[in-house]
Amino acid sequence: MEEIRVLDIGEHIDRLITTDVHTRKFIIDLYNAARRIQGDKPITYLAAKRILDELKGGETVLMLVGFPTFGTYIGEQDGPVGGAILARTIVELIMMSKL
């Protein structure tokens, strides 16, 4: 898979995980600042590339999800499922493109 396609998929994943449903306003500002610092490429693309560059054969990556929300301390319900889908997508992209 060519890098342009991988970058495009990273753009879509970034949009999904930075959607500010609760209109807290700081989510987009933080994302834009982080992206600017990293050379204006999708953050998820850069994370996947870094994982690929840093891992040696047989190593494991942990994704922490389902943190409790403050006030109610009830864990987010979409975290585990979203984390599993994101992990699978990153692995598939790595396998197809070798970023």
N, C-alpha and C. Protein backbone atom coordinates (compact mmCIF):
# COMPACT_ATOMS: atom_id res chain seq x y z
N MET A 1 0.86 -1.18 0.00
CA MET A 1 0.00 0.00 0.00
C MET A 1 0.90 1.23 0.00
N GLU A 2 0.60 2.17 -0.83
CA GLU A 2 1.46 3.35 -0.92
C GLU A 2 1.25 4.28 0.27
N GLU A 3 2.29 5.06 0.56
CA GLU A 3 2.27 5.93 1.74
C GLU A 3 1.12 6.93 1.71
N ILE A 4 0.76 7.44 0.53
CA ILE A 4 -0.35 8.40 0.44
C ILE A 4 -1.63 7.79 0.99
N ARG A 5 -1.90 6.54 0.65
CA ARG A 5 -3.11 5.85 1.14
C ARG A 5 -3.05 5.65 2.65
N VAL A 6 -1.89 5.30 3.16
CA VAL A 6 -1.72 5.11 4.60
C VAL A 6 -1.93 6.44 5.33
N LEU A 7 -1.40 7.53 4.78
CA LEU A 7 -1.60 8.85 5.38
C LEU A 7 -3.08 9.21 5.38
N ASP A 8 -3.79 8.89 4.31
CA ASP A 8 -5.22 9.18 4.21
C ASP A 8 -6.00 8.43 5.28
N ILE A 9 -5.67 7.16 5.47
CA ILE A 9 -6.33 6.37 6.52
C ILE A 9 -6.02 6.97 7.89
N GLY A 10 -4.78 7.41 8.10
CA GLY A 10 -4.41 8.07 9.36
C GLY A 10 -5.24 9.33 9.59
N GLU A 11 -5.49 10.10 8.53
CA GLU A 11 -6.32 11.31 8.64
C GLU A 11 -7.71 10.95 9.15
N HIS A 12 -8.30 9.90 8.58
CA HIS A 12 -9.65 9.50 8.98
C HIS A 12 -9.69 9.00 10.42
N ILE A 13 -8.69 8.23 10.81
CA ILE A 13 -8.64 7.75 12.19
C ILE A 13 -8.47 8.93 13.15
N ASP A 14 -7.60 9.86 12.81
CA ASP A 14 -7.41 11.06 13.65
C ASP A 14 -8.73 11.80 13.83
N ARG A 15 -9.48 11.97 12.75
CA ARG A 15 -10.77 12.68 12.85
C ARG A 15 -11.73 11.96 13.77
N LEU A 16 -11.77 10.64 13.67
CA LEU A 16 -12.68 9.87 14.52
C LEU A 16 -12.33 9.99 16.00
N ILE A 17 -11.04 9.90 16.32
CA ILE A 17 -10.68 9.88 17.74
C ILE A 17 -10.53 11.27 18.35
N THR A 18 -10.60 12.31 17.53
CA THR A 18 -10.53 13.67 18.09
C THR A 18 -11.86 14.41 17.97
N THR A 19 -12.92 13.70 17.62
CA THR A 19 -14.23 14.34 17.55
C THR A 19 -14.62 14.80 18.94
N ASP A 20 -14.96 16.06 19.07
CA ASP A 20 -15.26 16.66 20.38
C ASP A 20 -16.77 16.67 20.61
N VAL A 21 -17.34 15.49 20.88
CA VAL A 21 -18.78 15.35 21.04
C VAL A 21 -19.31 16.22 22.18
N HIS A 22 -18.54 16.36 23.23
CA HIS A 22 -18.98 17.14 24.40
C HIS A 22 -18.65 18.62 24.29
N THR A 23 -18.15 19.05 23.17
CA THR A 23 -17.76 20.45 22.89
C THR A 23 -16.93 21.06 24.01
N ARG A 24 -15.92 20.34 24.43
CA ARG A 24 -15.02 20.85 25.46
C ARG A 24 -14.03 21.85 24.89
N LYS A 25 -13.93 21.92 23.59
CA LYS A 25 -13.14 22.89 22.84
C LYS A 25 -11.63 22.68 22.88
N PHE A 26 -11.09 22.17 23.95
CA PHE A 26 -9.64 22.04 24.04
C PHE A 26 -9.11 20.84 23.27
N ILE A 27 -9.96 19.86 22.96
CA ILE A 27 -9.52 18.65 22.25
C ILE A 27 -8.89 19.01 20.91
N ILE A 28 -9.59 19.79 20.11
CA ILE A 28 -9.11 20.16 18.78
C ILE A 28 -7.85 21.03 18.89
N ASP A 29 -7.85 21.96 19.84
CA ASP A 29 -6.66 22.81 20.02
C ASP A 29 -5.43 21.97 20.37
N LEU A 30 -5.58 21.02 21.28
CA LEU A 30 -4.46 20.17 21.65
C LEU A 30 -4.00 19.31 20.47
N TYR A 31 -4.96 18.76 19.75
CA TYR A 31 -4.61 17.94 18.58
C TYR A 31 -3.87 18.77 17.54
N ASN A 32 -4.38 19.94 17.22
CA ASN A 32 -3.75 20.78 16.20
C ASN A 32 -2.33 21.18 16.61
N ALA A 33 -2.14 21.48 17.89
CA ALA A 33 -0.80 21.84 18.37
C ALA A 33 0.16 20.64 18.27
N ALA A 34 -0.31 19.47 18.68
CA ALA A 34 0.53 18.27 18.60
C ALA A 34 0.89 17.95 17.16
N ARG A 35 -0.07 18.09 16.30
CA ARG A 35 0.17 17.78 14.89
C ARG A 35 1.17 18.78 14.28
N ARG A 36 1.02 20.03 14.61
CA ARG A 36 1.94 21.06 14.10
C ARG A 36 3.37 20.76 14.53
N ILE A 37 3.54 20.38 15.78
CA ILE A 37 4.87 20.05 16.31
C ILE A 37 5.47 18.85 15.59
N GLN A 38 4.62 17.91 15.17
CA GLN A 38 5.08 16.68 14.54
C GLN A 38 5.17 16.75 13.02
N GLY A 39 5.17 17.95 12.46
CA GLY A 39 5.36 18.07 11.02
C GLY A 39 4.09 17.97 10.20
N ASP A 40 2.95 18.17 10.83
CA ASP A 40 1.64 18.21 10.17
C ASP A 40 1.28 16.90 9.46
N LYS A 41 1.60 15.78 10.09
CA LYS A 41 1.15 14.48 9.60
C LYS A 41 0.17 13.91 10.63
N PRO A 42 -0.71 13.00 10.20
CA PRO A 42 -1.66 12.41 11.16
C PRO A 42 -0.94 11.77 12.34
N ILE A 43 -1.42 12.04 13.53
CA ILE A 43 -0.79 11.53 14.75
C ILE A 43 -0.84 10.00 14.79
N THR A 44 -1.96 9.40 14.36
CA THR A 44 -2.05 7.94 14.39
C THR A 44 -1.07 7.31 13.40
N TYR A 45 -0.86 7.95 12.26
CA TYR A 45 0.14 7.47 11.30
C TYR A 45 1.53 7.50 11.95
N LEU A 46 1.85 8.62 12.59
CA LEU A 46 3.16 8.75 13.22
C LEU A 46 3.34 7.74 14.35
N ALA A 47 2.27 7.47 15.11
CA ALA A 47 2.35 6.48 16.19
C ALA A 47 2.61 5.09 15.62
N ALA A 48 1.88 4.73 14.56
CA ALA A 48 2.07 3.42 13.94
C ALA A 48 3.48 3.28 13.38
N LYS A 49 3.96 4.33 12.75
CA LYS A 49 5.32 4.31 12.20
C LYS A 49 6.35 4.16 13.31
N ARG A 50 6.15 4.86 14.39
CA ARG A 50 7.09 4.78 15.53
C ARG A 50 7.10 3.39 16.14
N ILE A 51 5.89 2.80 16.26
CA ILE A 51 5.80 1.43 16.78
C ILE A 51 6.60 0.50 15.89
N LEU A 52 6.39 0.61 14.59
CA LEU A 52 7.09 -0.25 13.64
C LEU A 52 8.61 -0.05 13.70
N ASP A 53 9.04 1.20 13.82
CA ASP A 53 10.46 1.51 13.86
C ASP A 53 11.13 1.03 15.15
N GLU A 54 10.40 1.05 16.25
CA GLU A 54 10.99 0.76 17.56
C GLU A 54 10.91 -0.71 17.97
N LEU A 55 9.89 -1.42 17.51
CA LEU A 55 9.71 -2.81 17.96
C LEU A 55 10.72 -3.75 17.34
N LYS A 56 11.10 -4.69 18.15
CA LYS A 56 11.93 -5.77 17.66
C LYS A 56 11.03 -7.01 17.62
N GLY A 57 11.39 -7.99 16.87
CA GLY A 57 10.56 -9.20 16.73
C GLY A 57 10.07 -9.76 18.05
N GLY A 58 8.77 -10.02 18.13
CA GLY A 58 8.19 -10.66 19.31
C GLY A 58 7.81 -9.74 20.45
N GLU A 59 8.08 -8.44 20.35
CA GLU A 59 7.72 -7.51 21.42
C GLU A 59 6.22 -7.21 21.38
N THR A 60 5.71 -6.75 22.49
CA THR A 60 4.28 -6.49 22.65
C THR A 60 4.03 -5.00 22.87
N VAL A 61 2.93 -4.51 22.32
CA VAL A 61 2.49 -3.13 22.54
C VAL A 61 1.20 -3.18 23.34
N LEU A 62 1.10 -2.38 24.39
CA LEU A 62 -0.12 -2.31 25.19
C LEU A 62 -0.89 -1.04 24.85
N MET A 63 -2.20 -1.17 24.72
CA MET A 63 -3.07 -0.01 24.54
C MET A 63 -4.00 0.03 25.75
N LEU A 64 -3.93 1.10 26.51
CA LEU A 64 -4.78 1.23 27.69
C LEU A 64 -6.08 1.93 27.32
N VAL A 65 -7.19 1.31 27.67
CA VAL A 65 -8.51 1.86 27.34
C VAL A 65 -9.46 1.66 28.51
N GLY A 66 -10.61 2.32 28.47
CA GLY A 66 -11.64 2.10 29.47
C GLY A 66 -11.40 2.81 30.79
N PHE A 67 -10.69 3.92 30.76
CA PHE A 67 -10.43 4.66 32.00
C PHE A 67 -11.72 5.19 32.61
N PRO A 68 -11.81 5.25 33.94
CA PRO A 68 -13.01 5.82 34.55
C PRO A 68 -13.10 7.33 34.31
N THR A 69 -14.30 7.81 34.16
CA THR A 69 -14.50 9.25 33.98
C THR A 69 -14.64 9.89 35.36
N PHE A 70 -14.14 11.09 35.49
CA PHE A 70 -14.20 11.77 36.78
C PHE A 70 -15.63 12.14 37.13
N GLY A 71 -15.92 12.13 38.39
CA GLY A 71 -17.27 12.42 38.85
C GLY A 71 -18.03 11.14 39.13
N THR A 72 -18.26 10.35 38.09
CA THR A 72 -19.01 9.10 38.27
C THR A 72 -18.07 7.92 38.43
N TYR A 73 -16.85 8.03 37.95
CA TYR A 73 -15.85 6.96 37.97
C TYR A 73 -16.37 5.67 37.31
N ILE A 74 -17.19 5.85 36.31
CA ILE A 74 -17.67 4.73 35.50
C ILE A 74 -16.77 4.65 34.27
N GLY A 75 -16.27 3.48 33.99
CA GLY A 75 -15.39 3.32 32.84
C GLY A 75 -16.10 3.58 31.53
N GLU A 76 -15.37 4.15 30.58
CA GLU A 76 -15.96 4.39 29.26
C GLU A 76 -16.25 3.05 28.61
N GLN A 77 -17.42 2.90 28.05
CA GLN A 77 -17.83 1.62 27.49
C GLN A 77 -17.30 1.38 26.09
N ASP A 78 -17.03 2.43 25.33
CA ASP A 78 -16.54 2.25 23.96
C ASP A 78 -15.03 2.10 23.91
N GLY A 79 -14.35 2.33 25.01
CA GLY A 79 -12.89 2.25 25.02
C GLY A 79 -12.32 0.90 24.62
N PRO A 80 -12.75 -0.20 25.25
CA PRO A 80 -12.19 -1.50 24.89
C PRO A 80 -12.45 -1.89 23.43
N VAL A 81 -13.66 -1.68 22.95
CA VAL A 81 -13.98 -2.04 21.57
C VAL A 81 -13.22 -1.13 20.60
N GLY A 82 -13.23 0.17 20.86
CA GLY A 82 -12.51 1.11 20.01
C GLY A 82 -11.02 0.83 19.99
N GLY A 83 -10.47 0.49 21.14
CA GLY A 83 -9.04 0.16 21.23
C GLY A 83 -8.69 -1.08 20.42
N ALA A 84 -9.56 -2.09 20.49
CA ALA A 84 -9.32 -3.32 19.73
C ALA A 84 -9.38 -3.05 18.23
N ILE A 85 -10.34 -2.25 17.80
CA ILE A 85 -10.45 -1.93 16.37
C ILE A 85 -9.26 -1.10 15.92
N LEU A 86 -8.85 -0.14 16.73
CA LEU A 86 -7.70 0.69 16.37
C LEU A 86 -6.43 -0.16 16.29
N ALA A 87 -6.24 -1.06 17.25
CA ALA A 87 -5.06 -1.94 17.22
C ALA A 87 -5.05 -2.80 15.97
N ARG A 88 -6.20 -3.36 15.64
CA ARG A 88 -6.27 -4.21 14.44
C ARG A 88 -5.98 -3.40 13.18
N THR A 89 -6.52 -2.19 13.11
CA THR A 89 -6.29 -1.35 11.94
C THR A 89 -4.81 -1.02 11.79
N ILE A 90 -4.16 -0.67 12.90
CA ILE A 90 -2.72 -0.35 12.86
C ILE A 90 -1.92 -1.57 12.40
N VAL A 91 -2.24 -2.74 12.93
CA VAL A 91 -1.52 -3.95 12.53
C VAL A 91 -1.72 -4.22 11.04
N GLU A 92 -2.94 -4.09 10.56
CA GLU A 92 -3.20 -4.34 9.14
C GLU A 92 -2.45 -3.35 8.25
N LEU A 93 -2.43 -2.09 8.66
CA LEU A 93 -1.70 -1.10 7.87
C LEU A 93 -0.21 -1.40 7.85
N ILE A 94 0.32 -1.79 8.98
CA ILE A 94 1.74 -2.13 9.06
C ILE A 94 2.04 -3.32 8.16
N MET A 95 1.19 -4.33 8.24
CA MET A 95 1.42 -5.53 7.43
C MET A 95 1.31 -5.23 5.93
N MET A 96 0.38 -4.36 5.55
CA MET A 96 0.19 -4.07 4.13
C MET A 96 1.22 -3.11 3.56
N SER A 97 1.69 -2.19 4.39
CA SER A 97 2.51 -1.13 3.82
C SER A 97 3.96 -1.13 4.27
N LYS A 98 4.23 -1.72 5.40
CA LYS A 98 5.56 -1.60 6.01
C LYS A 98 5.98 -0.14 6.06
N LEU A 99 5.06 0.69 6.53
CA LEU A 99 5.23 2.13 6.66
C LEU A 99 6.67 2.54 6.47
